[in-house]
């Protein structure tokens, strides 16, 4: 819905950029984890996710009035991904690669799930959830719950543990939507 709103209004007003940037980094990291582990589900989901997030970033960049700031954030993301790739391929022993990459992916996942809460003070101060995305909150709850269950099924703590904050942050955002009902111009 955020992408649709950007295309319709030709504006990025009231649309958060950080959650989608961290989600792209998350998808790229988990794609590497899936390839290293040989897990087709992790590979497929994260290849699609990285493609969609990159599309979102490009559209956001196109409509953003502060292109320099957005571009610097994207370049920082690319630097982190390239550095991470270099680290895992050149400096980490093959036997420990999956463990190190799992920890790396876990940090990105937790960052991704916590990033929408950056506007928490703004929501409470303004008593408005206008800067939060309800569809993103629903999607985050479904995705984090699904990945938590998948990780439990595989007994993979790197998939299970970092997705629990996604459930918690989604519940906090649902509480915020309940407490500070959305304006009439943004129905859910």
Protein backbone atom coordinates (compact mmCIF):
# COMPACT_ATOMS: atom_id res chain seq x y z
CA UNK A 1 0.00 0.00 0.00
CA UNK A 2 2.92 2.37 0.65
CA UNK A 3 4.24 1.75 -2.85
CA UNK A 4 0.78 2.38 -4.28
CA UNK A 5 0.52 5.60 -2.24
CA UNK A 6 3.91 6.82 -3.53
CA UNK A 7 2.95 6.13 -7.13
CA UNK A 8 -0.48 7.76 -6.75
CA UNK A 9 0.70 10.89 -4.92
CA UNK A 10 4.18 11.09 -6.47
CA UNK A 11 5.36 11.82 -2.92
CA UNK A 12 7.05 10.02 -0.02
CA UNK A 13 5.35 12.14 2.64
CA UNK A 14 4.42 10.11 5.76
CA UNK A 15 6.17 7.01 4.42
CA UNK A 16 9.02 5.53 6.42
CA UNK A 17 12.20 4.63 4.57
CA UNK A 18 14.28 2.91 7.27
CA UNK A 19 12.07 -0.21 7.65
CA UNK A 20 12.37 -0.98 3.94
CA UNK A 21 16.12 -0.35 3.86
CA UNK A 22 16.71 -2.68 6.80
CA UNK A 23 14.34 -5.24 5.28
CA UNK A 24 16.40 -5.22 2.08
CA UNK A 25 19.61 -5.80 4.07
CA UNK A 26 17.79 -8.53 5.97
CA UNK A 27 16.64 -10.26 2.78
CA UNK A 28 20.11 -10.14 1.24
CA UNK A 29 21.69 -11.54 4.40
CA UNK A 30 19.18 -14.36 4.73
CA UNK A 31 19.58 -15.14 1.03
CA UNK A 32 23.26 -15.81 1.74
CA UNK A 33 22.35 -17.91 4.79
CA UNK A 34 19.86 -19.92 2.74
CA UNK A 35 22.43 -20.52 -0.01
CA UNK A 36 25.07 -21.61 2.50
CA UNK A 37 22.61 -23.89 4.30
CA UNK A 38 21.00 -25.15 1.09
CA UNK A 39 17.48 -24.23 2.28
CA UNK A 40 15.26 -23.64 -0.77
CA UNK A 41 12.52 -21.97 1.27
CA UNK A 42 14.89 -19.38 2.74
CA UNK A 43 16.48 -18.80 -0.70
CA UNK A 44 13.18 -18.34 -2.58
CA UNK A 45 11.46 -16.10 -0.03
CA UNK A 46 14.47 -13.85 0.42
CA UNK A 47 15.31 -13.57 -3.29
CA UNK A 48 11.75 -12.35 -3.91
CA UNK A 49 11.90 -10.09 -0.84
CA UNK A 50 15.21 -8.51 -1.89
CA UNK A 51 13.86 -7.83 -5.36
CA UNK A 52 10.68 -6.18 -4.03
CA UNK A 53 12.55 -4.13 -1.41
CA UNK A 54 15.02 -2.91 -4.03
CA UNK A 55 12.09 -1.84 -6.21
CA UNK A 56 10.59 0.04 -3.25
CA UNK A 57 13.91 1.78 -2.56
CA UNK A 58 14.23 2.85 -6.21
CA UNK A 59 10.69 4.27 -6.26
CA UNK A 60 11.27 6.00 -2.91
CA UNK A 61 14.53 7.49 -4.20
CA UNK A 62 12.79 8.70 -7.37
CA UNK A 63 10.06 10.57 -5.43
CA UNK A 64 12.14 11.67 -2.46
CA UNK A 65 12.91 15.39 -2.20
CA UNK A 66 16.03 14.52 -0.15
CA UNK A 67 17.71 12.24 -2.66
CA UNK A 68 21.18 12.77 -1.22
CA UNK A 69 20.20 11.52 2.25
CA UNK A 70 18.36 8.48 0.86
CA UNK A 71 21.21 7.68 -1.53
CA UNK A 72 23.75 7.87 1.32
CA UNK A 73 21.68 5.39 3.34
CA UNK A 74 21.49 3.03 0.36
CA UNK A 75 25.24 3.29 -0.19
CA UNK A 76 25.82 2.55 3.49
CA UNK A 77 23.65 -0.55 3.15
CA UNK A 78 25.64 -1.68 0.12
CA UNK A 79 28.91 -1.11 1.97
CA UNK A 80 27.68 -3.24 4.87
CA UNK A 81 26.54 -6.04 2.54
CA UNK A 82 29.82 -6.03 0.56
CA UNK A 83 31.87 -5.92 3.78
CA UNK A 84 29.82 -8.77 5.20
CA UNK A 85 30.27 -10.83 2.05
CA UNK A 86 34.02 -10.23 2.11
CA UNK A 87 34.19 -11.12 5.80
CA UNK A 88 32.29 -14.38 5.42
CA UNK A 89 34.08 -15.54 2.28
CA UNK A 90 37.64 -14.53 3.18
CA UNK A 91 38.00 -14.37 6.97
CA UNK A 92 35.63 -16.95 8.45
CA UNK A 93 36.60 -20.61 8.55
CA UNK A 94 34.30 -22.73 6.38
CA UNK A 95 33.14 -24.76 9.40
CA UNK A 96 32.08 -21.64 11.30
CA UNK A 97 30.60 -19.73 8.35
CA UNK A 98 26.99 -20.81 8.92
CA UNK A 99 27.16 -19.91 12.64
CA UNK A 100 28.68 -16.48 12.00
CA UNK A 101 26.26 -15.75 9.16
CA UNK A 102 23.33 -16.89 11.32
CA UNK A 103 24.34 -14.40 14.02
CA UNK A 104 24.83 -11.67 11.41
CA UNK A 105 21.36 -12.36 9.94
CA UNK A 106 19.82 -12.39 13.40
CA UNK A 107 21.13 -8.89 14.11
CA UNK A 108 19.68 -7.60 10.83
CA UNK A 109 16.33 -9.25 11.53
CA UNK A 110 16.10 -7.70 14.98
CA UNK A 111 17.08 -4.31 13.51
CA UNK A 112 14.43 -4.66 10.83
CA UNK A 113 11.71 -5.48 13.34
CA UNK A 114 12.71 -2.66 15.70
CA UNK A 115 13.13 0.05 13.03
CA UNK A 116 9.40 1.00 12.78
CA UNK A 117 9.46 1.77 16.49
CA UNK A 118 11.83 4.66 15.78
CA UNK A 119 8.69 6.78 15.41
CA UNK A 120 7.22 5.59 18.72
CA UNK A 121 7.90 8.89 20.54
CA UNK A 122 6.45 10.81 17.59
CA UNK A 123 3.27 8.69 17.68
CA UNK A 124 2.83 9.16 21.43
CA UNK A 125 3.65 12.90 21.32
CA UNK A 126 1.30 13.60 18.40
CA UNK A 127 -1.31 11.03 19.48
CA UNK A 128 -1.44 9.97 15.84
CA UNK A 129 -0.46 6.77 14.05
CA UNK A 130 -0.26 8.55 10.70
CA UNK A 131 3.45 7.75 10.34
CA UNK A 132 2.87 4.01 10.95
CA UNK A 133 1.81 1.61 8.24
CA UNK A 134 -1.04 -0.68 9.25
CA UNK A 135 -0.52 -3.08 6.30
CA UNK A 136 3.19 -3.31 7.19
CA UNK A 137 2.23 -4.09 10.80
CA UNK A 138 -0.09 -6.91 9.71
CA UNK A 139 2.51 -8.27 7.29
CA UNK A 140 5.23 -8.09 9.93
CA UNK A 141 3.10 -10.07 12.39
CA UNK A 142 2.31 -12.75 9.81
CA UNK A 143 5.89 -12.98 8.53
CA UNK A 144 7.58 -13.01 11.93
CA UNK A 145 5.11 -15.59 13.26
CA UNK A 146 5.60 -17.78 10.19
CA UNK A 147 9.40 -17.61 10.40
CA UNK A 148 9.31 -18.31 14.14
CA UNK A 149 7.24 -21.45 13.52
CA UNK A 150 9.49 -22.49 10.60
CA UNK A 151 12.59 -22.02 12.77
CA UNK A 152 11.03 -24.08 15.56
CA UNK A 153 10.21 -26.82 13.07
CA UNK A 154 13.83 -26.89 11.84
CA UNK A 155 15.28 -26.41 15.34
CA UNK A 156 17.19 -23.45 13.92
CA UNK A 157 17.70 -20.77 16.59
CA UNK A 158 19.03 -18.31 13.99
CA UNK A 159 15.62 -18.31 12.32
CA UNK A 160 13.49 -18.66 15.46
CA UNK A 161 14.94 -16.21 17.99
CA UNK A 162 15.29 -13.03 15.89
CA UNK A 163 11.72 -13.28 14.64
CA UNK A 164 10.19 -13.11 18.13
CA UNK A 165 10.81 -9.30 18.34
CA UNK A 166 8.76 -8.98 15.14
CA UNK A 167 5.79 -10.48 16.93
CA UNK A 168 6.31 -8.22 19.96
CA UNK A 169 6.78 -5.01 17.95
CA UNK A 170 3.72 -5.79 15.83
CA UNK A 171 1.63 -6.19 18.96
CA UNK A 172 2.96 -2.84 20.26
CA UNK A 173 2.03 -1.17 16.96
CA UNK A 174 -1.45 -2.75 17.03
CA UNK A 175 -1.87 -1.32 20.54
CA UNK A 176 -0.81 2.10 19.20
CA UNK A 177 -3.36 1.86 16.38
CA UNK A 178 -6.01 0.96 18.94
CA UNK A 179 -4.99 3.75 21.33
CA UNK A 180 -4.54 6.46 18.66
CA UNK A 181 -7.10 5.67 16.00
CA UNK A 182 -6.05 6.53 12.42
CA UNK A 183 -7.39 9.69 10.81
CA UNK A 184 -10.32 9.48 8.45
CA UNK A 185 -8.08 10.11 5.42
CA UNK A 186 -6.15 6.87 6.02
CA UNK A 187 -8.74 4.09 6.55
CA UNK A 188 -7.67 0.54 7.41
